Amino acid sequence: MRILQNINYDYLGKRKFFYTISLIAILIGILSIIFRGLEFGIDFNGGSEIVVQFQKPIAIADVRNHMENIGLGNVEIKTYGEANTVLIRTELQKIPDNVYPRVIENIEEEINNILPEVPKTIVDSTTRSITYEFQNPDTANIIAPRLFQEGFQSSKVSEAVTNRQVIVSVGISDWIKENLREKITDNKFTVIKAEQVGPKVGQELKEDAVIAVFLMLIVILIYVGFRFKFVFAYGAVIALFHNVIITLGLFSILYNVIPGLNLEIDLNVVAGFLTLVGYSINDTVVIFDRIRENMKIHKTLPLMEVINRSINNTMSRTVLTGGTTLMALLILLFFGGEVLRAFAFTLFFGILIGTYSSVFVASALVLEYANRSKKRVQF
């Protein structure tokens, strides 16, 4: 398919106007990040979260009321995609000391419901699990699956025929599930995700994510510098910073403004940014390759005309490649579900901004550098 053939648009003649657009977008994004901040997911903040899917739609207010007095302090609850799916999050990683006896009481009450007054002994107890020992293996074989059927994370300690012990998980997510099961009896649910990340691990992941993006930009600077000239590497990396900052600013600007775009920064988003950087530099390198070819063919033409001609030559490829990618991302954004939404959002808007920056930032900065340094760009 061939479109936009034989066009002759003066892109760089409008570069100062687009510089202004870019500066305004960057400034708004930075101010929003400073004053409104960014919402980080559990990957970076640490804590515990559980995603619960009910059989029927449920009011968030009802879930909040049930979760208020379970001893976990401030619990964040919000809709997760569909009206019957709820995300419950707390900054805690373990059961509070004042709640732990209540958890044990609930487990033992359920055991007594299965086998009334069955003899048992607690042989191990931690903030994450409790291990019971019964008088014979048959009792353990009955208790473990029955507790699991009732929603407890229970299992036999060993599959040996002589095993008499059953271990029951007592994490934050287990306590939340137990309370929901007890208080919401007319709307059954299943747990579709349960995660727990410590604050130290979250901080390390945050630092590693920043380092990963920064190192990728450094490697691209070196690659483009060797393949072309430093002036091209300078323009390409500034354009990549431009793309990342504006896209990151959108996360802050749109949070709690547009329903469905209350997106958090997590590892999926970091993967999206790394993919975006790679995609954007590919688009820029295609234009730079054509600039180099045209400079060798049209040695007497001014640099501005060479760059304009190169952008016009590659515009068909840019629109077709970007357009087909955006269509796929648009489908992911609306129909890919909550898990993929932030990733698709990052790439969708990042590619739009990246395509714009390949023309009006990266290529324009090459011209600006050549004009200000009074040096002729040669290969």
Protein backbone atom coordinates (compact mmCIF):
# COMPACT_ATOMS: atom_id res chain seq x y z
CA MET A 1 0.00 0.00 0.00
CA ARG A 2 1.35 3.42 -0.94
CA ILE A 3 0.04 6.61 0.63
CA LEU A 4 1.37 10.14 1.02
CA GLN A 5 3.56 9.77 -2.06
CA ASN A 6 5.29 12.81 -3.61
CA ILE A 7 4.43 15.13 -0.73
CA ASN A 8 6.58 18.19 -0.15
CA TYR A 9 5.71 19.61 3.25
CA ASP A 10 8.02 22.05 5.02
CA TYR A 11 8.22 20.38 8.45
CA LEU A 12 11.28 22.19 9.74
CA GLY A 13 9.94 25.56 8.70
CA LYS A 14 7.35 25.12 11.48
CA ARG A 15 9.84 23.78 14.02
CA LYS A 16 9.69 26.77 16.40
CA PHE A 17 5.93 26.40 16.72
CA PHE A 18 6.35 22.72 17.57
CA TYR A 19 9.18 23.55 20.01
CA THR A 20 6.62 25.64 21.88
CA ILE A 21 4.06 22.81 21.84
CA SER A 22 6.64 20.37 23.19
CA LEU A 23 7.85 22.74 25.92
CA ILE A 24 4.29 23.40 27.08
CA ALA A 25 3.51 19.66 27.16
CA ILE A 26 6.71 18.91 29.09
CA LEU A 27 6.09 21.76 31.54
CA ILE A 28 2.48 20.70 32.21
CA GLY A 29 3.59 17.09 32.71
CA ILE A 30 6.40 18.00 35.12
CA LEU A 31 4.17 20.36 37.13
CA SER A 32 1.49 17.67 37.37
CA ILE A 33 4.05 15.12 38.56
CA ILE A 34 5.37 17.59 41.17
CA PHE A 35 2.02 18.74 42.53
CA ARG A 36 -0.31 15.77 41.84
CA GLY A 37 2.32 13.06 41.92
CA LEU A 38 2.28 9.61 40.39
CA GLU A 39 0.35 6.61 41.65
CA PHE A 40 2.66 3.65 42.10
CA GLY A 41 1.42 0.07 42.16
CA ILE A 42 2.23 -2.56 44.72
CA ASP A 43 5.39 -3.47 42.76
CA PHE A 44 6.98 -0.21 43.93
CA ASN A 45 5.09 0.79 47.08
CA GLY A 46 5.08 -2.60 48.75
CA GLY A 47 2.10 -4.04 50.56
CA SER A 48 -0.57 -6.65 49.90
CA GLU A 49 -3.35 -6.66 47.36
CA ILE A 50 -6.08 -9.03 46.36
CA VAL A 51 -8.37 -8.93 43.32
CA VAL A 52 -11.77 -10.51 43.97
CA GLN A 53 -14.33 -11.35 41.29
CA PHE A 54 -17.91 -11.79 42.50
CA GLN A 55 -20.59 -13.72 40.66
CA LYS A 56 -22.85 -10.63 40.61
CA PRO A 57 -22.10 -6.88 40.50
CA ILE A 58 -21.36 -5.47 43.94
CA ALA A 59 -21.31 -1.93 45.35
CA ILE A 60 -17.86 -0.69 46.37
CA ALA A 61 -19.44 1.04 49.39
CA ASP A 62 -20.67 -2.32 50.69
CA VAL A 63 -17.21 -3.87 50.40
CA ARG A 64 -15.68 -0.83 52.18
CA ASN A 65 -18.14 -1.19 55.03
CA HIS A 66 -17.24 -4.85 55.47
CA MET A 67 -13.49 -4.12 55.40
CA GLU A 68 -13.48 -1.15 57.79
CA ASN A 69 -13.20 -2.97 61.11
CA ILE A 70 -11.14 -6.06 60.35
CA GLY A 71 -7.99 -4.68 61.98
CA LEU A 72 -5.95 -3.78 58.87
CA GLY A 73 -6.11 0.00 59.26
CA ASN A 74 -6.44 2.01 56.04
CA VAL A 75 -7.60 -0.36 53.28
CA GLU A 76 -7.90 0.93 49.69
CA ILE A 77 -10.82 -0.53 47.75
CA LYS A 78 -11.79 0.24 44.15
CA THR A 79 -13.41 -1.29 41.09
CA TYR A 80 -11.03 -3.38 39.00
CA GLY A 81 -12.32 -3.32 35.43
CA GLU A 82 -15.79 -4.87 35.64
CA ALA A 83 -18.57 -3.96 38.10
CA ASN A 84 -18.26 -7.36 39.79
CA THR A 85 -14.49 -7.20 40.30
CA VAL A 86 -12.84 -5.40 43.21
CA LEU A 87 -9.23 -4.53 44.07
CA ILE A 88 -8.45 -4.49 47.80
CA ARG A 89 -5.07 -3.13 48.86
CA THR A 90 -3.29 -2.46 52.13
CA GLU A 91 0.25 -1.29 52.90
CA LEU A 92 0.64 -4.09 55.45
CA GLN A 93 2.68 -7.19 54.61
CA LYS A 94 1.74 -9.30 57.61
CA ILE A 95 -1.16 -9.83 59.98
CA PRO A 96 -1.07 -7.26 62.83
CA ASP A 97 -0.39 -8.69 66.30
CA ASN A 98 -3.82 -7.65 67.58
CA VAL A 99 -5.55 -9.45 64.70
CA TYR A 100 -3.53 -12.68 64.84
CA PRO A 101 -5.52 -14.26 67.76
CA ARG A 102 -8.75 -13.64 65.83
CA VAL A 103 -7.32 -15.42 62.79
CA ILE A 104 -6.35 -18.44 64.90
CA GLU A 105 -9.79 -18.43 66.49
CA ASN A 106 -11.50 -18.52 63.08
CA ILE A 107 -9.31 -21.38 61.85
CA GLU A 108 -9.93 -23.47 64.97
CA GLU A 109 -13.66 -22.74 64.82
CA GLU A 110 -13.73 -24.10 61.26
CA ILE A 111 -11.75 -27.19 62.31
CA ASN A 112 -14.30 -27.83 65.09
CA ASN A 113 -17.11 -27.48 62.54
CA ILE A 114 -15.46 -30.21 60.44
CA LEU A 115 -14.60 -32.55 63.34
CA PRO A 116 -16.04 -31.35 66.65
CA GLU A 117 -13.60 -31.33 69.59
CA VAL A 118 -10.89 -33.09 67.61
CA PRO A 119 -7.59 -33.15 69.56
CA LYS A 120 -4.94 -30.93 67.99
CA THR A 121 -1.68 -29.20 68.83
CA ILE A 122 -0.05 -26.10 67.36
CA VAL A 123 3.51 -27.15 66.47
CA ASP A 124 4.57 -24.04 64.58
CA SER A 125 3.20 -20.51 64.38
CA THR A 126 4.53 -17.55 62.36
CA THR A 127 3.12 -14.32 60.95
CA ARG A 128 2.48 -16.15 57.67
CA SER A 129 1.23 -19.61 58.66
CA ILE A 130 0.19 -21.92 61.47
CA THR A 131 0.81 -25.66 61.59
CA TYR A 132 -1.49 -28.08 63.43
CA GLU A 133 -0.67 -31.64 64.40
CA PHE A 134 -3.45 -34.20 64.87
CA GLN A 135 -3.44 -37.59 66.58
CA ASN A 136 -3.53 -39.64 63.38
CA PRO A 137 -2.97 -39.26 59.60
CA ASP A 138 -6.63 -39.90 58.79
CA THR A 139 -7.64 -36.73 60.65
CA ALA A 140 -5.08 -34.66 58.73
CA ASN A 141 -6.35 -36.16 55.46
CA ILE A 142 -9.88 -35.01 56.32
CA ILE A 143 -9.05 -31.56 57.73
CA ALA A 144 -6.69 -30.29 54.99
CA PRO A 145 -9.04 -30.58 51.96
CA ARG A 146 -12.12 -29.49 53.94
CA LEU A 147 -10.37 -26.31 55.13
CA PHE A 148 -9.31 -25.65 51.55
CA GLN A 149 -12.91 -26.07 50.33
CA GLU A 150 -13.98 -23.47 52.89
CA GLY A 151 -11.53 -20.96 51.41
CA PHE A 152 -8.50 -21.38 53.69
CA GLN A 153 -5.07 -21.82 52.08
CA SER A 154 -4.42 -25.18 53.73
CA SER A 155 -2.47 -28.29 52.82
CA LYS A 156 -0.82 -31.31 54.37
CA VAL A 157 2.78 -30.71 55.43
CA SER A 158 3.83 -33.93 53.71
CA GLU A 159 2.30 -36.51 51.40
CA ALA A 160 3.76 -39.31 53.48
CA VAL A 161 1.18 -41.81 54.73
CA THR A 162 2.30 -41.10 58.31
CA ASN A 163 1.85 -37.32 58.05
CA ARG A 164 -0.30 -35.87 60.84
CA GLN A 165 0.28 -32.15 60.23
CA VAL A 166 -1.71 -29.51 58.35
CA ILE A 167 -0.37 -26.05 57.53
CA VAL A 168 -2.75 -23.09 57.10
CA SER A 169 -1.68 -19.75 55.56
CA VAL A 170 -2.53 -16.65 57.61
CA GLY A 171 -1.42 -13.84 55.28
CA ILE A 172 -3.18 -10.51 54.75
CA SER A 173 -5.01 -11.79 51.66
CA ASP A 174 -6.25 -14.83 53.58
CA TRP A 175 -7.65 -12.62 56.33
CA ILE A 176 -9.41 -10.42 53.77
CA LYS A 177 -10.92 -13.44 52.00
CA GLU A 178 -12.09 -14.90 55.26
CA ASN A 179 -13.90 -11.70 56.24
CA LEU A 180 -15.51 -11.32 52.82
CA ARG A 181 -16.70 -14.91 52.91
CA GLU A 182 -18.20 -14.38 56.35
CA LYS A 183 -19.89 -11.03 55.65
CA ILE A 184 -21.00 -11.44 52.02
CA THR A 185 -22.93 -14.67 51.94
CA ASP A 186 -25.28 -13.99 49.02
CA ASN A 187 -22.65 -13.27 46.38
CA LYS A 188 -19.93 -15.89 45.97
CA PHE A 189 -16.50 -14.80 44.77
CA THR A 190 -13.21 -16.13 43.48
CA VAL A 191 -9.75 -14.65 43.98
CA ILE A 192 -8.14 -13.92 40.60
CA LYS A 193 -4.95 -12.31 41.94
CA ALA A 194 -3.19 -12.08 45.30
CA GLU A 195 0.21 -10.41 45.63
CA GLN A 196 2.51 -9.30 48.42
CA VAL A 197 5.65 -7.17 48.07
CA GLY A 198 7.86 -5.94 50.92
CA PRO A 199 8.77 -2.21 51.09
CA LYS A 200 12.48 -2.92 50.63
CA VAL A 201 11.84 -5.00 47.51
CA GLY A 202 9.50 -2.30 46.18
CA GLN A 203 12.15 0.40 46.64
CA GLU A 204 14.77 -1.77 44.92
CA LEU A 205 12.43 -2.38 41.98
CA LYS A 206 11.78 1.36 41.68
CA GLU A 207 15.52 2.12 41.60
CA ASP A 208 16.20 -0.70 39.12
CA ALA A 209 13.43 0.58 36.82
CA VAL A 210 14.97 4.09 36.69
CA ILE A 211 18.44 2.61 36.09
CA ALA A 212 17.11 0.36 33.30
CA VAL A 213 15.53 3.28 31.40
CA PHE A 214 18.61 5.49 31.93
CA LEU A 215 21.05 2.79 30.76
CA MET A 216 18.94 2.12 27.69
CA LEU A 217 19.14 5.80 26.76
CA ILE A 218 22.94 5.76 27.23
CA VAL A 219 23.31 2.67 25.03
CA ILE A 220 21.15 4.28 22.34
CA LEU A 221 23.28 7.45 22.52
CA ILE A 222 26.42 5.35 21.90
CA TYR A 223 24.76 3.29 19.13
CA VAL A 224 23.43 6.26 17.17
CA GLY A 225 26.70 8.15 17.72
CA PHE A 226 28.67 5.32 16.11
CA ARG A 227 26.17 4.63 13.32
CA PHE A 228 25.73 8.28 12.34
CA LYS A 229 27.34 11.32 13.99
CA PHE A 230 27.18 12.70 17.52
CA VAL A 231 24.78 15.42 16.38
CA PHE A 232 22.26 12.72 15.39
CA ALA A 233 22.73 10.86 18.69
CA TYR A 234 22.14 14.13 20.57
CA GLY A 235 18.88 14.76 18.70
CA ALA A 236 17.68 11.15 19.11
CA VAL A 237 18.28 10.95 22.87
CA ILE A 238 16.72 14.38 23.57
CA ALA A 239 13.67 13.19 21.62
CA LEU A 240 13.52 10.00 23.73
CA PHE A 241 13.65 12.01 26.96
CA HIS A 242 10.89 14.18 25.49
CA ASN A 243 8.73 11.08 24.80
CA VAL A 244 9.22 9.53 28.23
CA ILE A 245 8.58 12.75 30.19
CA ILE A 246 5.38 13.65 28.30
CA THR A 247 4.00 10.09 28.47
CA LEU A 248 4.83 9.88 32.19
CA GLY A 249 3.12 13.24 32.70
CA LEU A 250 -0.06 11.84 31.16
CA PHE A 251 -0.24 9.24 33.93
CA SER A 252 -0.35 12.05 36.47
CA ILE A 253 -2.60 14.42 34.49
CA LEU A 254 -5.31 11.85 33.67
CA TYR A 255 -5.44 10.10 37.06
CA ASN A 256 -8.91 10.58 38.63
CA VAL A 257 -9.91 12.72 35.62
CA ILE A 258 -10.96 10.18 32.99
CA PRO A 259 -12.79 7.02 34.17
CA GLY A 260 -10.86 3.91 33.23
CA LEU A 261 -7.52 5.75 33.07
CA ASN A 262 -6.71 5.77 36.78
CA LEU A 263 -3.47 4.01 35.94
CA GLU A 264 -0.62 3.19 38.30
CA ILE A 265 3.09 2.87 37.59
CA ASP A 266 4.08 -0.78 37.92
CA LEU A 267 6.49 -3.19 36.26
CA ASN A 268 4.17 -3.54 33.24
CA VAL A 269 4.44 0.22 32.68
CA VAL A 270 8.24 0.07 32.96
CA ALA A 271 8.20 -2.66 30.30
CA GLY A 272 5.99 -0.36 28.22
CA PHE A 273 8.47 2.51 28.51
CA LEU A 274 11.40 0.30 27.52
CA THR A 275 9.41 -0.94 24.51
CA LEU A 276 8.48 2.64 23.68
CA VAL A 277 12.12 3.76 23.74
CA GLY A 278 13.07 0.95 21.35
CA TYR A 279 10.15 1.67 19.02
CA SER A 280 10.79 5.42 18.97
CA ILE A 281 14.48 5.11 18.19
CA ASN A 282 13.66 2.74 15.32
CA ASP A 283 11.36 5.37 13.81
CA THR A 284 14.03 8.05 14.26
CA VAL A 285 16.81 5.90 12.78
CA VAL A 286 14.71 5.28 9.63
CA ILE A 287 14.53 9.06 9.06
CA PHE A 288 18.24 9.49 9.89
CA ASP A 289 19.14 6.77 7.37
CA ARG A 290 17.22 8.59 4.66
CA ILE A 291 18.88 11.90 5.64
CA ARG A 292 22.30 10.28 5.25
CA GLU A 293 21.37 8.83 1.85
CA ASN A 294 20.01 12.14 0.58
CA MET A 295 23.05 14.05 1.83
CA LYS A 296 25.27 11.78 -0.28
CA ILE A 297 23.00 12.13 -3.33
CA HIS A 298 22.23 15.86 -3.04
CA LYS A 299 25.54 17.23 -1.80
CA THR A 300 24.80 20.84 -2.67
CA LEU A 301 21.34 21.09 -1.10
CA PRO A 302 20.99 22.98 2.22
CA LEU A 303 20.66 20.70 5.25
CA MET A 304 17.15 21.95 6.00
CA GLU A 305 15.93 20.94 2.56
CA VAL A 306 17.64 17.56 2.81
CA ILE A 307 15.96 16.81 6.13
CA ASN A 308 12.54 17.96 4.88
CA ARG A 309 12.90 15.78 1.80
CA SER A 310 13.94 12.78 3.92
CA ILE A 311 10.96 13.15 6.23
CA ASN A 312 8.61 13.41 3.24
CA ASN A 313 10.21 10.30 1.71
CA THR A 314 9.64 8.23 4.86
CA MET A 315 6.22 9.62 5.83
CA SER A 316 4.32 6.81 4.06
CA ARG A 317 6.25 4.18 6.00
CA THR A 318 5.85 6.11 9.26
CA VAL A 319 2.07 6.45 8.94
CA LEU A 320 1.49 2.83 7.87
CA THR A 321 3.75 1.31 10.54
CA GLY A 322 2.53 3.58 13.31
CA GLY A 323 -1.11 3.32 12.25
CA THR A 324 -1.24 -0.48 12.29
CA THR A 325 0.57 -0.59 15.65
CA LEU A 326 -1.84 1.96 17.12
CA MET A 327 -4.86 -0.04 15.98
CA ALA A 328 -3.60 -3.12 17.81
CA LEU A 329 -2.84 -1.06 20.93
CA LEU A 330 -6.26 0.59 20.81
CA ILE A 331 -7.88 -2.85 20.96
CA LEU A 332 -5.65 -3.78 23.92
CA LEU A 333 -6.45 -0.50 25.64
CA PHE A 334 -10.23 -1.02 25.52
CA PHE A 335 -10.55 -4.80 25.51
CA GLY A 336 -7.29 -6.12 26.97
CA GLY A 337 -8.49 -5.95 30.55
CA GLU A 338 -7.21 -4.14 33.58
CA VAL A 339 -3.86 -5.95 33.67
CA LEU A 340 -2.82 -4.81 30.17
CA ARG A 341 -4.45 -1.37 30.22
CA ALA A 342 -1.51 0.60 31.65
CA PHE A 343 0.95 -1.15 29.29
CA ALA A 344 -1.26 -0.45 26.25
CA PHE A 345 -1.79 3.17 27.37
CA THR A 346 1.99 3.71 27.66
CA LEU A 347 2.65 2.39 24.18
CA PHE A 348 -0.38 3.98 22.49
CA PHE A 349 0.33 7.55 23.57
CA GLY A 350 4.08 6.97 23.59
CA ILE A 351 4.07 5.96 19.93
CA LEU A 352 1.96 8.99 18.98
CA ILE A 353 4.38 11.28 20.81
CA GLY A 354 7.39 9.33 19.52
CA THR A 355 6.32 9.66 15.89
CA TYR A 356 5.81 13.39 16.40
CA SER A 357 9.22 13.76 18.10
CA SER A 358 11.06 11.87 15.34
CA VAL A 359 10.03 14.64 12.96
CA PHE A 360 9.74 17.79 15.04
CA VAL A 361 12.29 17.14 17.79
CA ALA A 362 15.05 14.72 16.75
CA SER A 363 15.38 15.91 13.14
CA ALA A 364 14.85 19.56 14.08
CA LEU A 365 17.58 19.44 16.74
CA VAL A 366 20.04 18.10 14.17
CA LEU A 367 19.37 21.21 12.08
CA GLU A 368 19.58 23.51 15.12
CA TYR A 369 22.92 22.05 16.17
CA ALA A 370 24.35 22.40 12.66
CA ASN A 371 23.14 26.02 12.35
CA ARG A 372 24.45 27.09 15.74
CA SER A 373 27.81 25.34 15.45
CA LYS A 374 28.27 26.65 11.88
CA LYS A 375 29.59 23.22 10.91
CA ARG A 376 28.58 21.23 7.88
CA VAL A 377 27.27 17.77 8.71
CA GLN A 378 29.17 15.25 6.60
CA PHE A 379 29.44 11.46 6.35
